[in-house]
């Protein structure tokens, strides 16, 4: 009986101890579980913060790189635009220079073609543009420079005159009127008193005239109307007796009556107005350069 009670007590004590141990283990397990959850939560929070921080850094870095790439692209686009503009400007300049060179070459070819044939082919077209200037004091020559009948000649041809007539190549005689003059340059501008249209010269560029270039003078030397003589340019930019430069020296004979007549190049353009020759010297004639003549004419027309 006693042994039975002791055994029961021992069994109850063992059960109680077992229950207590299990309870303690359960409590410890729950504590560990809670601690683990807290650790996991803390780890998740840390990881989340790190991910957020890393994501922000990545975004910042990406934004910075995008901005850098955008800036580089803008610089490249700007430089490309500038280079394209420069290329367009260079291309336009090259085209203009090529056109000018082509025009110059065309003129040179035209000059060569005319020179190869001489002046005989163009003289018939030039003579109707030349006139004989007749005054009560003498005789001179002139060149028609407008379709309305403006005539350029030397001022000394009409200086002090009381009567003026102009005779054309066809033999028609017209009254003439003085429009204006430049005594220093020895240039005068007349006008044929008529409603007719007249063939007229164009002015060439006397600054472009070259020594050795073939030219002709048309005029009325010693009363021989519409005489054509040929020669070359001996020198350019000579100084005249008036102290002005821009005269063309030529070996074309310039005699009384030739004054005021045109000096014409192979293109049929006026490059000078025959003015004077040195006394007691042959083949030393001088013409006023066409650029100076045109400047004076333009002030009156």
C-alpha atoms as a PDB file:
ATOM      1  CA  UNK A   1       0.000   0.000   0.000  1.00  0.00           C
ATOM      2  CA  UNK A   2       2.687   2.348   1.045  1.00  0.00           C
ATOM      3  CA  UNK A   3       4.713   1.304  -1.963  1.00  0.00           C
ATOM      4  CA  UNK A   4       1.757   1.914  -4.117  1.00  0.00           C
ATOM      5  CA  UNK A   5       1.360   5.449  -2.770  1.00  0.00           C
ATOM      6  CA  UNK A   6       5.025   6.127  -3.155  1.00  0.00           C
ATOM      7  CA  UNK A   7       4.874   4.928  -6.731  1.00  0.00           C
ATOM      8  CA  UNK A   8       1.859   7.100  -7.405  1.00  0.00           C
ATOM      9  CA  UNK A   9       3.605  10.102  -5.858  1.00  0.00           C
ATOM     10  CA  UNK A  10       6.690   9.410  -7.915  1.00  0.00           C
ATOM     11  CA  UNK A  11       4.610   9.108 -11.059  1.00  0.00           C
ATOM     12  CA  UNK A  12       2.700  12.276 -10.256  1.00  0.00           C
ATOM     13  CA  UNK A  13       5.948  14.080  -9.497  1.00  0.00           C
ATOM     14  CA  UNK A  14       7.458  12.855 -12.742  1.00  0.00           C
ATOM     15  CA  UNK A  15       4.377  13.933 -14.648  1.00  0.00           C
ATOM     16  CA  UNK A  16       4.388  17.297 -12.949  1.00  0.00           C
ATOM     17  CA  UNK A  17       8.055  17.745 -13.751  1.00  0.00           C
ATOM     18  CA  UNK A  18       7.412  16.685 -17.306  1.00  0.00           C
ATOM     19  CA  UNK A  19       4.548  19.141 -17.599  1.00  0.00           C
ATOM     20  CA  UNK A  20       6.658  21.896 -16.078  1.00  0.00           C
ATOM     21  CA  UNK A  21       9.531  21.084 -18.405  1.00  0.00           C
ATOM     22  CA  UNK A  22       7.257  21.063 -21.434  1.00  0.00           C
ATOM     23  CA  UNK A  23       5.691  24.315 -20.312  1.00  0.00           C
ATOM     24  CA  UNK A  24       9.100  25.872 -19.851  1.00  0.00           C
ATOM     25  CA  UNK A  25      10.244  24.582 -23.213  1.00  0.00           C
ATOM     26  CA  UNK A  26       7.089  25.918 -24.804  1.00  0.00           C
ATOM     27  CA  UNK A  27       7.603  29.261 -23.131  1.00  0.00           C
ATOM     28  CA  UNK A  28      11.238  29.371 -24.211  1.00  0.00           C
ATOM     29  CA  UNK A  29      10.232  28.389 -27.742  1.00  0.00           C
ATOM     30  CA  UNK A  30       7.628  31.119 -27.849  1.00  0.00           C
ATOM     31  CA  UNK A  31      10.190  33.643 -26.593  1.00  0.00           C
ATOM     32  CA  UNK A  32      12.650  32.488 -29.223  1.00  0.00           C
ATOM     33  CA  UNK A  33       9.914  32.636 -31.862  1.00  0.00           C
ATOM     34  CA  UNK A  34       8.983  36.180 -30.871  1.00  0.00           C
ATOM     35  CA  UNK A  35      12.650  37.161 -30.808  1.00  0.00           C
ATOM     36  CA  UNK A  36      13.152  35.572 -34.216  1.00  0.00           C
ATOM     37  CA  UNK A  37      10.138  37.419 -35.594  1.00  0.00           C
ATOM     38  CA  UNK A  38      11.482  40.671 -34.207  1.00  0.00           C
ATOM     39  CA  UNK A  39      14.912  39.904 -35.661  1.00  0.00           C
ATOM     40  CA  UNK A  40      13.359  39.025 -38.998  1.00  0.00           C
ATOM     41  CA  UNK A  41      11.249  42.174 -38.915  1.00  0.00           C
ATOM     42  CA  UNK A  42      14.283  44.264 -38.035  1.00  0.00           C
ATOM     43  CA  UNK A  43      16.258  42.552 -40.797  1.00  0.00           C
ATOM     44  CA  UNK A  44      13.411  43.210 -43.219  1.00  0.00           C
ATOM     45  CA  UNK A  45      13.312  46.866 -42.154  1.00  0.00           C
ATOM     46  CA  UNK A  46      17.081  47.209 -42.570  1.00  0.00           C
ATOM     47  CA  UNK A  47      16.969  45.423 -45.905  1.00  0.00           C
ATOM     48  CA  UNK A  48      14.043  47.567 -47.057  1.00  0.00           C
ATOM     49  CA  UNK A  49      15.854  50.752 -46.049  1.00  0.00           C
ATOM     50  CA  UNK A  50      18.988  49.587 -47.815  1.00  0.00           C
ATOM     51  CA  UNK A  51      16.967  48.704 -50.902  1.00  0.00           C
ATOM     52  CA  UNK A  52      15.263  52.113 -50.807  1.00  0.00           C
ATOM     53  CA  UNK A  53      18.619  53.832 -50.310  1.00  0.00           C
ATOM     54  CA  UNK A  54      20.203  51.782 -53.067  1.00  0.00           C
ATOM     55  CA  UNK A  55      17.236  52.454 -55.331  1.00  0.00           C
ATOM     56  CA  UNK A  56      17.533  56.202 -54.648  1.00  0.00           C
ATOM     57  CA  UNK A  57      21.257  56.066 -55.343  1.00  0.00           C
ATOM     58  CA  UNK A  58      20.580  54.156 -58.540  1.00  0.00           C
ATOM     59  CA  UNK A  59      17.924  56.685 -59.537  1.00  0.00           C
ATOM     60  CA  UNK A  60      20.227  59.604 -58.697  1.00  0.00           C
ATOM     61  CA  UNK A  61      23.108  57.989 -60.560  1.00  0.00           C
ATOM     62  CA  UNK A  62      20.879  57.152 -63.506  1.00  0.00           C
ATOM     63  CA  UNK A  63      19.451  60.681 -63.579  1.00  0.00           C
ATOM     64  CA  UNK A  64      22.961  62.130 -63.420  1.00  0.00           C
ATOM     65  CA  UNK A  65      24.135  59.865 -66.235  1.00  0.00           C
ATOM     66  CA  UNK A  66      21.039  60.719 -68.300  1.00  0.00           C
ATOM     67  CA  UNK A  67      21.696  64.424 -67.734  1.00  0.00           C
ATOM     68  CA  UNK A  68      25.335  63.968 -68.743  1.00  0.00           C
ATOM     69  CA  UNK A  69      24.353  62.037 -71.874  1.00  0.00           C
ATOM     70  CA  UNK A  70      21.697  64.664 -72.687  1.00  0.00           C
ATOM     71  CA  UNK A  71      24.260  67.442 -72.252  1.00  0.00           C
ATOM     72  CA  UNK A  72      26.724  65.585 -74.481  1.00  0.00           C
ATOM     73  CA  UNK A  73      24.028  65.051 -77.117  1.00  0.00           C
ATOM     74  CA  UNK A  74      23.074  68.732 -76.965  1.00  0.00           C
ATOM     75  CA  UNK A  75      26.735  69.730 -77.377  1.00  0.00           C
ATOM     76  CA  UNK A  76      27.116  67.311 -80.284  1.00  0.00           C
ATOM     77  CA  UNK A  77      23.912  68.630 -81.867  1.00  0.00           C
ATOM     78  CA  UNK A  78      25.086  72.233 -81.400  1.00  0.00           C
ATOM     79  CA  UNK A  79      28.505  71.466 -82.851  1.00  0.00           C
ATOM     80  CA  UNK A  80      26.908  69.544 -85.717  1.00  0.00           C
ATOM     81  CA  UNK A  81      24.559  72.451 -86.404  1.00  0.00           C
ATOM     82  CA  UNK A  82      27.488  74.881 -86.401  1.00  0.00           C
ATOM     83  CA  UNK A  83      29.493  72.580 -88.662  1.00  0.00           C
ATOM     84  CA  UNK A  84      26.522  72.206 -91.017  1.00  0.00           C
ATOM     85  CA  UNK A  85      26.076  75.991 -91.092  1.00  0.00           C
ATOM     86  CA  UNK A  86      29.784  76.430 -91.797  1.00  0.00           C
ATOM     87  CA  UNK A  87      29.645  73.766 -94.497  1.00  0.00           C
ATOM     88  CA  UNK A  88      26.637  75.498 -96.069  1.00  0.00           C
ATOM     89  CA  UNK A  89      28.483  78.836 -95.953  1.00  0.00           C
ATOM     90  CA  UNK A  90      31.622  77.258 -97.424  1.00  0.00           C
ATOM     91  CA  UNK A  91      29.516  75.566-100.102  1.00  0.00           C
ATOM     92  CA  UNK A  92      27.789  78.846-100.996  1.00  0.00           C
ATOM     93  CA  UNK A  93      31.151  80.616-101.119  1.00  0.00           C
ATOM     94  CA  UNK A  94      32.613  77.859-103.286  1.00  0.00           C
ATOM     95  CA  UNK A  95      29.605  78.012-105.616  1.00  0.00           C
ATOM     96  CA  UNK A  96      29.922  81.804-105.882  1.00  0.00           C
ATOM     97  CA  UNK A  97      33.662  81.559-106.532  1.00  0.00           C
ATOM     98  CA  UNK A  98      33.088  78.814-109.094  1.00  0.00           C
ATOM     99  CA  UNK A  99      30.436  80.916-110.822  1.00  0.00           C
ATOM    100  CA  UNK A 100      32.770  83.920-110.857  1.00  0.00           C
ATOM    101  CA  UNK A 101      35.603  81.795-112.226  1.00  0.00           C
ATOM    102  CA  UNK A 102      33.245  80.375-114.849  1.00  0.00           C
ATOM    103  CA  UNK A 103      32.108  83.882-115.805  1.00  0.00           C
ATOM    104  CA  UNK A 104      35.723  85.052-116.000  1.00  0.00           C
ATOM    105  CA  UNK A 105      36.620  82.016-118.083  1.00  0.00           C
ATOM    106  CA  UNK A 106      33.673  82.663-120.382  1.00  0.00           C
ATOM    107  CA  UNK A 107      34.835  86.247-120.866  1.00  0.00           C
ATOM    108  CA  UNK A 108      38.375  85.056-121.546  1.00  0.00           C
ATOM    109  CA  UNK A 109      37.091  82.511-124.063  1.00  0.00           C
ATOM    110  CA  UNK A 110      34.954  85.221-125.641  1.00  0.00           C
ATOM    111  CA  UNK A 111      37.987  87.498-125.820  1.00  0.00           C
ATOM    112  CA  UNK A 112      40.104  84.742-127.349  1.00  0.00           C
ATOM    113  CA  UNK A 113      37.427  83.983-129.935  1.00  0.00           C
ATOM    114  CA  UNK A 114      37.084  87.632-130.892  1.00  0.00           C
ATOM    115  CA  UNK A 115      40.836  88.160-131.023  1.00  0.00           C
ATOM    116  CA  UNK A 116      41.257  85.111-133.201  1.00  0.00           C
ATOM    117  CA  UNK A 117      38.905  86.665-135.747  1.00  0.00           C
ATOM    118  CA  UNK A 118      40.182  90.234-135.335  1.00  0.00           C
ATOM    119  CA  UNK A 119      37.845  93.212-135.052  1.00  0.00           C
ATOM    120  CA  UNK A 120      36.414  92.909-138.549  1.00  0.00           C
ATOM    121  CA  UNK A 121      33.346  90.991-137.366  1.00  0.00           C
ATOM    122  CA  UNK A 122      32.301  93.555-134.756  1.00  0.00           C
ATOM    123  CA  UNK A 123      33.278  96.828-136.451  1.00  0.00           C
ATOM    124  CA  UNK A 124      30.021  96.992-138.483  1.00  0.00           C
ATOM    125  CA  UNK A 125      28.113  96.928-135.171  1.00  0.00           C
ATOM    126  CA  UNK A 126      30.356  99.603-133.626  1.00  0.00           C
ATOM    127  CA  UNK A 127      30.334 102.267-136.334  1.00  0.00           C
ATOM    128  CA  UNK A 128      26.620 103.218-135.883  1.00  0.00           C
ATOM    129  CA  UNK A 129      27.409 103.934-132.207  1.00  0.00           C
ATOM    130  CA  UNK A 130      30.028 106.574-133.094  1.00  0.00           C
ATOM    131  CA  UNK A 131      29.260 110.176-134.093  1.00  0.00           C
ATOM    132  CA  UNK A 132      31.104 113.151-135.500  1.00  0.00           C
ATOM    133  CA  UNK A 133      30.811 116.264-133.317  1.00  0.00           C
ATOM    134  CA  UNK A 134      30.807 119.451-135.420  1.00  0.00           C
ATOM    135  CA  UNK A 135      31.033 122.927-133.870  1.00  0.00           C
ATOM    136  CA  UNK A 136      31.697 126.459-135.009  1.00  0.00           C
ATOM    137  CA  UNK A 137      35.230 126.048-133.607  1.00  0.00           C
ATOM    138  CA  UNK A 138      36.234 122.665-134.949  1.00  0.00           C
ATOM    139  CA  UNK A 139      35.601 118.962-135.248  1.00  0.00           C
ATOM    140  CA  UNK A 140      35.703 116.062-132.807  1.00  0.00           C
ATOM    141  CA  UNK A 141      34.259 112.624-132.185  1.00  0.00           C
ATOM    142  CA  UNK A 142      31.850 111.084-129.706  1.00  0.00           C
ATOM    143  CA  UNK A 143      30.335 107.802-128.558  1.00  0.00           C
ATOM    144  CA  UNK A 144      26.624 107.168-128.070  1.00  0.00           C
ATOM    145  CA  UNK A 145      26.113 105.749-124.550  1.00  0.00           C
ATOM    146  CA  UNK A 146      22.306 105.568-124.291  1.00  0.00           C
ATOM    147  CA  UNK A 147      19.443 104.630-126.584  1.00  0.00           C
ATOM    148  CA  UNK A 148      17.973 108.107-126.079  1.00  0.00           C
ATOM    149  CA  UNK A 149      21.003 109.661-127.777  1.00  0.00           C
ATOM    150  CA  UNK A 150      23.383 110.685-125.004  1.00  0.00           C
ATOM    151  CA  UNK A 151      26.873 111.222-126.412  1.00  0.00           C
ATOM    152  CA  UNK A 152      30.128 111.352-124.448  1.00  0.00           C
ATOM    153  CA  UNK A 153      33.054 113.372-125.818  1.00  0.00           C
ATOM    154  CA  UNK A 154      35.930 115.562-124.596  1.00  0.00           C
ATOM    155  CA  UNK A 155      35.072 118.865-122.966  1.00  0.00           C
ATOM    156  CA  UNK A 156      37.723 120.692-125.010  1.00  0.00           C
ATOM    157  CA  UNK A 157      35.832 119.682-128.178  1.00  0.00           C
ATOM    158  CA  UNK A 158      32.821 121.833-127.203  1.00  0.00           C
ATOM    159  CA  UNK A 159      34.439 124.409-124.916  1.00  0.00           C
ATOM    160  CA  UNK A 160      33.408 127.949-125.851  1.00  0.00           C
ATOM    161  CA  UNK A 161      31.291 126.915-128.838  1.00  0.00           C
ATOM    162  CA  UNK A 162      28.196 128.716-130.104  1.00  0.00           C
ATOM    163  CA  UNK A 163      26.871 126.064-132.481  1.00  0.00           C
ATOM    164  CA  UNK A 164      26.749 122.278-132.171  1.00  0.00           C
ATOM    165  CA  UNK A 165      25.752 119.591-134.650  1.00  0.00           C
ATOM    166  CA  UNK A 166      26.071 115.825-134.408  1.00  0.00           C
ATOM    167  CA  UNK A 167      26.424 113.612-137.489  1.00  0.00           C
ATOM    168  CA  UNK A 168      25.781 109.864-137.268  1.00  0.00           C
ATOM    169  CA  UNK A 169      27.254 107.054-139.354  1.00  0.00           C
ATOM    170  CA  UNK A 170      24.296 107.140-141.768  1.00  0.00           C
ATOM    171  CA  UNK A 171      25.011 110.794-142.532  1.00  0.00           C
ATOM    172  CA  UNK A 172      22.070 112.180-140.591  1.00  0.00           C
ATOM    173  CA  UNK A 173      22.777 115.541-138.986  1.00  0.00           C
ATOM    174  CA  UNK A 174      21.123 116.497-135.692  1.00  0.00           C
ATOM    175  CA  UNK A 175      21.251 119.458-133.401  1.00  0.00           C
ATOM    176  CA  UNK A 176      23.150 118.735-130.202  1.00  0.00           C
ATOM    177  CA  UNK A 177      22.579 119.889-126.628  1.00  0.00           C
ATOM    178  CA  UNK A 178      25.104 120.095-123.799  1.00  0.00           C
ATOM    179  CA  UNK A 179      23.884 118.122-120.766  1.00  0.00           C
ATOM    180  CA  UNK A 180      26.877 118.531-118.459  1.00  0.00           C
ATOM    181  CA  UNK A 181      30.650 118.396-118.238  1.00  0.00           C
ATOM    182  CA  UNK A 182      33.651 117.884-115.971  1.00  0.00           C
ATOM    183  CA  UNK A 183      36.350 120.288-117.093  1.00  0.00           C
ATOM    184  CA  UNK A 184      39.018 118.734-114.847  1.00  0.00           C
ATOM    185  CA  UNK A 185      38.500 115.305-116.418  1.00  0.00           C
ATOM    186  CA  UNK A 186      37.921 116.846-119.884  1.00  0.00           C
ATOM    187  CA  UNK A 187      34.633 114.971-120.229  1.00  0.00           C
ATOM    188  CA  UNK A 188      31.376 116.345-121.639  1.00  0.00           C
ATOM    189  CA  UNK A 189      27.968 114.752-122.067  1.00  0.00           C
ATOM    190  CA  UNK A 190      25.830 115.807-125.031  1.00  0.00           C
ATOM    191  CA  UNK A 191      22.423 114.706-126.265  1.00  0.00           C
ATOM    192  CA  UNK A 192      21.181 114.291-129.807  1.00  0.00           C
ATOM    193  CA  UNK A 193      18.030 116.377-130.198  1.00  0.00           C
ATOM    194  CA  UNK A 194      15.773 113.651-131.577  1.00  0.00           C
ATOM    195  CA  UNK A 195      13.045 111.227-130.531  1.00  0.00           C
ATOM    196  CA  UNK A 196      14.772 108.351-132.310  1.00  0.00           C
ATOM    197  CA  UNK A 197      16.276 105.339-130.567  1.00  0.00           C
ATOM    198  CA  UNK A 198      20.002 104.943-131.135  1.00  0.00           C
ATOM    199  CA  UNK A 199      22.391 101.984-130.856  1.00  0.00           C
ATOM    200  CA  UNK A 200      24.709 102.595-127.927  1.00  0.00           C
ATOM    201  CA  UNK A 201      27.962 101.418-126.351  1.00  0.00           C
ATOM    202  CA  UNK A 202      28.335  99.791-122.963  1.00  0.00           C
ATOM    203  CA  UNK A 203      31.214 100.672-120.675  1.00  0.00           C
ATOM    204  CA  UNK A 204      33.913  98.103-119.994  1.00  0.00           C
ATOM    205  CA  UNK A 205      36.074  97.990-116.852  1.00  0.00           C
ATOM    206  CA  UNK A 206      39.193 100.060-117.469  1.00  0.00           C
ATOM    207  CA  UNK A 207      40.735  98.745-114.235  1.00  0.00           C
ATOM    208  CA  UNK A 208      40.774  95.263-115.792  1.00  0.00           C
ATOM    209  CA  UNK A 209      42.561  96.331-118.982  1.00  0.00           C
ATOM    210  CA  UNK A 210      45.926  94.611-119.476  1.00  0.00           C
ATOM    211  CA  UNK A 211      49.068  95.846-121.154  1.00  0.00           C
ATOM    212  CA  UNK A 212      49.349  94.311-124.620  1.00  0.00           C
ATOM    213  CA  UNK A 213      45.593  94.038-125.099  1.00  0.00           C
ATOM    214  CA  UNK A 214      44.458  94.811-128.649  1.00  0.00           C
ATOM    215  CA  UNK A 215      42.162  97.824-129.041  1.00  0.00           C
ATOM    216  CA  UNK A 216      40.710 100.040-131.760  1.00  0.00           C
ATOM    217  CA  UNK A 217      39.960 103.751-131.901  1.00  0.00           C
ATOM    218  CA  UNK A 218      37.066 105.099-133.951  1.00  0.00           C
ATOM    219  CA  UNK A 219      36.774 108.756-134.834  1.00  0.00           C
ATOM    220  CA  UNK A 220      37.174 111.503-137.404  1.00  0.00           C
ATOM    221  CA  UNK A 221      40.897 112.301-137.619  1.00  0.00           C
ATOM    222  CA  UNK A 222      41.528 115.364-139.793  1.00  0.00           C
ATOM    223  CA  UNK A 223      37.898 115.342-140.891  1.00  0.00           C
ATOM    224  CA  UNK A 224      37.985 111.753-142.151  1.00  0.00           C
ATOM    225  CA  UNK A 225      34.768 110.593-140.515  1.00  0.00           C
ATOM    226  CA  UNK A 226      34.455 107.139-138.920  1.00  0.00           C
ATOM    227  CA  UNK A 227      38.057 106.067-139.346  1.00  0.00           C
ATOM    228  CA  UNK A 228      39.044 102.864-137.502  1.00  0.00           C
ATOM    229  CA  UNK A 229      42.632 102.332-136.313  1.00  0.00           C
ATOM    230  CA  UNK A 230      44.026  99.384-134.372  1.00  0.00           C
ATOM    231  CA  UNK A 231      46.783  99.097-131.785  1.00  0.00           C
ATOM    232  CA  UNK A 232      47.561  97.839-128.296  1.00  0.00           C
ATOM    233  CA  UNK A 233      47.505  99.096-124.734  1.00  0.00           C
ATOM    234  CA  UNK A 234      51.060 100.234-123.979  1.00  0.00           C
ATOM    235  CA  UNK A 235      50.551 101.111-120.295  1.00  0.00           C
ATOM    236  CA  UNK A 236      47.764 101.590-117.764  1.00  0.00           C
ATOM    237  CA  UNK A 237      46.974 104.027-114.962  1.00  0.00           C
ATOM    238  CA  UNK A 238      49.048 106.848-116.407  1.00  0.00           C
ATOM    239  CA  UNK A 239      48.778 110.357-114.921  1.00  0.00           C
ATOM    240  CA  UNK A 240      47.355 112.944-117.307  1.00  0.00           C
ATOM    241  CA  UNK A 241      48.227 116.630-117.711  1.00  0.00           C
ATOM    242  CA  UNK A 242      45.407 117.426-115.282  1.00  0.00           C
ATOM    243  CA  UNK A 243      47.230 115.490-112.553  1.00  0.00           C
ATOM    244  CA  UNK A 244      44.588 112.750-112.504  1.00  0.00           C
ATOM    245  CA  UNK A 245      45.464 109.073-112.842  1.00  0.00           C
ATOM    246  CA  UNK A 246      43.575 106.366-114.710  1.00  0.00           C
ATOM    247  CA  UNK A 247      44.702 107.175-118.249  1.00  0.00           C
ATOM    248  CA  UNK A 248      45.388 104.378-120.723  1.00  0.00           C
ATOM    249  CA  UNK A 249      48.450 104.723-122.940  1.00  0.00           C
ATOM    250  CA  UNK A 250      48.069 103.279-126.428  1.00  0.00           C
ATOM    251  CA  UNK A 251      49.984 103.177-129.688  1.00  0.00           C
ATOM    252  CA  UNK A 252      46.752 103.737-131.627  1.00  0.00           C
ATOM    253  CA  UNK A 253      47.200 106.974-133.639  1.00  0.00           C
ATOM    254  CA  UNK A 254      45.191 109.784-132.028  1.00  0.00           C
ATOM    255  CA  UNK A 255      45.036 112.842-134.296  1.00  0.00           C
ATOM    256  CA  UNK A 256      42.979 116.049-134.346  1.00  0.00           C
ATOM    257  CA  UNK A 257      39.372 115.036-134.839  1.00  0.00           C
ATOM    258  CA  UNK A 258      39.852 111.768-132.925  1.00  0.00           C
ATOM    259  CA  UNK A 259      39.367 113.516-129.577  1.00  0.00           C
ATOM    260  CA  UNK A 260      36.262 112.303-127.777  1.00  0.00           C
ATOM    261  CA  UNK A 261      35.985 109.106-129.794  1.00  0.00           C
ATOM    262  CA  UNK A 262      35.820 105.679-128.148  1.00  0.00           C
ATOM    263  CA  UNK A 263      38.740 103.351-127.450  1.00  0.00           C
ATOM    264  CA  UNK A 264      37.151  99.908-127.778  1.00  0.00           C
ATOM    265  CA  UNK A 265      38.262  96.444-126.642  1.00  0.00           C
ATOM    266  CA  UNK A 266      37.722  93.118-128.396  1.00  0.00           C
ATOM    267  CA  UNK A 267      34.300  92.699-126.743  1.00  0.00           C
ATOM    268  CA  UNK A 268      33.092  95.924-128.336  1.00  0.00           C
ATOM    269  CA  UNK A 269      32.978  97.791-125.019  1.00  0.00           C
ATOM    270  CA  UNK A 270      34.303 101.282-124.348  1.00  0.00           C
ATOM    271  CA  UNK A 271      37.424 101.097-122.188  1.00  0.00           C
ATOM    272  CA  UNK A 272      38.410 104.715-122.731  1.00  0.00           C
ATOM    273  CA  UNK A 273      37.674 108.020-124.451  1.00  0.00           C
ATOM    274  CA  UNK A 274      40.522 109.181-126.699  1.00  0.00           C
ATOM    275  CA  UNK A 275      41.926 112.394-125.274  1.00  0.00           C
ATOM    276  CA  UNK A 276      45.347 113.525-126.468  1.00  0.00           C
ATOM    277  CA  UNK A 277      48.727 112.496-127.831  1.00  0.00           C
ATOM    278  CA  UNK A 278      52.220 113.786-127.110  1.00  0.00           C
ATOM    279  CA  UNK A 279      53.444 116.295-129.649  1.00  0.00           C
ATOM    280  CA  UNK A 280      56.378 115.367-131.838  1.00  0.00           C
ATOM    281  CA  UNK A 281      55.962 111.712-130.813  1.00  0.00           C
ATOM    282  CA  UNK A 282      54.335 108.871-132.661  1.00  0.00           C
ATOM    283  CA  UNK A 283      52.341 106.062-131.077  1.00  0.00           C
ATOM    284  CA  UNK A 284      51.991 107.882-127.759  1.00  0.00           C
ATOM    285  CA  UNK A 285      48.261 108.404-127.395  1.00  0.00           C
ATOM    286  CA  UNK A 286      46.244 108.621-124.189  1.00  0.00           C
ATOM    287  CA  UNK A 287      42.614 107.862-123.364  1.00  0.00           C
ATOM    288  CA  UNK A 288      40.579 108.644-120.258  1.00  0.00           C
ATOM    289  CA  UNK A 289      39.733 105.333-118.539  1.00  0.00           C
ATOM    290  CA  UNK A 290      36.124 104.211-118.963  1.00  0.00           C
ATOM    291  CA  UNK A 291      35.528 103.944-115.218  1.00  0.00           C
ATOM    292  CA  UNK A 292      36.208 107.663-114.756  1.00  0.00           C
ATOM    293  CA  UNK A 293      34.088 108.481-117.794  1.00  0.00           C
ATOM    294  CA  UNK A 294      31.169 106.382-116.555  1.00  0.00           C
ATOM    295  CA  UNK A 295      31.309 107.999-113.098  1.00  0.00           C
ATOM    296  CA  UNK A 296      30.901 111.407-114.740  1.00  0.00           C
ATOM    297  CA  UNK A 297      28.179 110.252-117.149  1.00  0.00           C
ATOM    298  CA  UNK A 298      26.188 108.671-114.309  1.00  0.00           C
ATOM    299  CA  UNK A 299      26.020 112.021-112.505  1.00  0.00           C
ATOM    300  CA  UNK A 300      24.117 113.547-115.439  1.00  0.00           C
ATOM    301  CA  UNK A 301      21.886 110.704-116.657  1.00  0.00           C
END
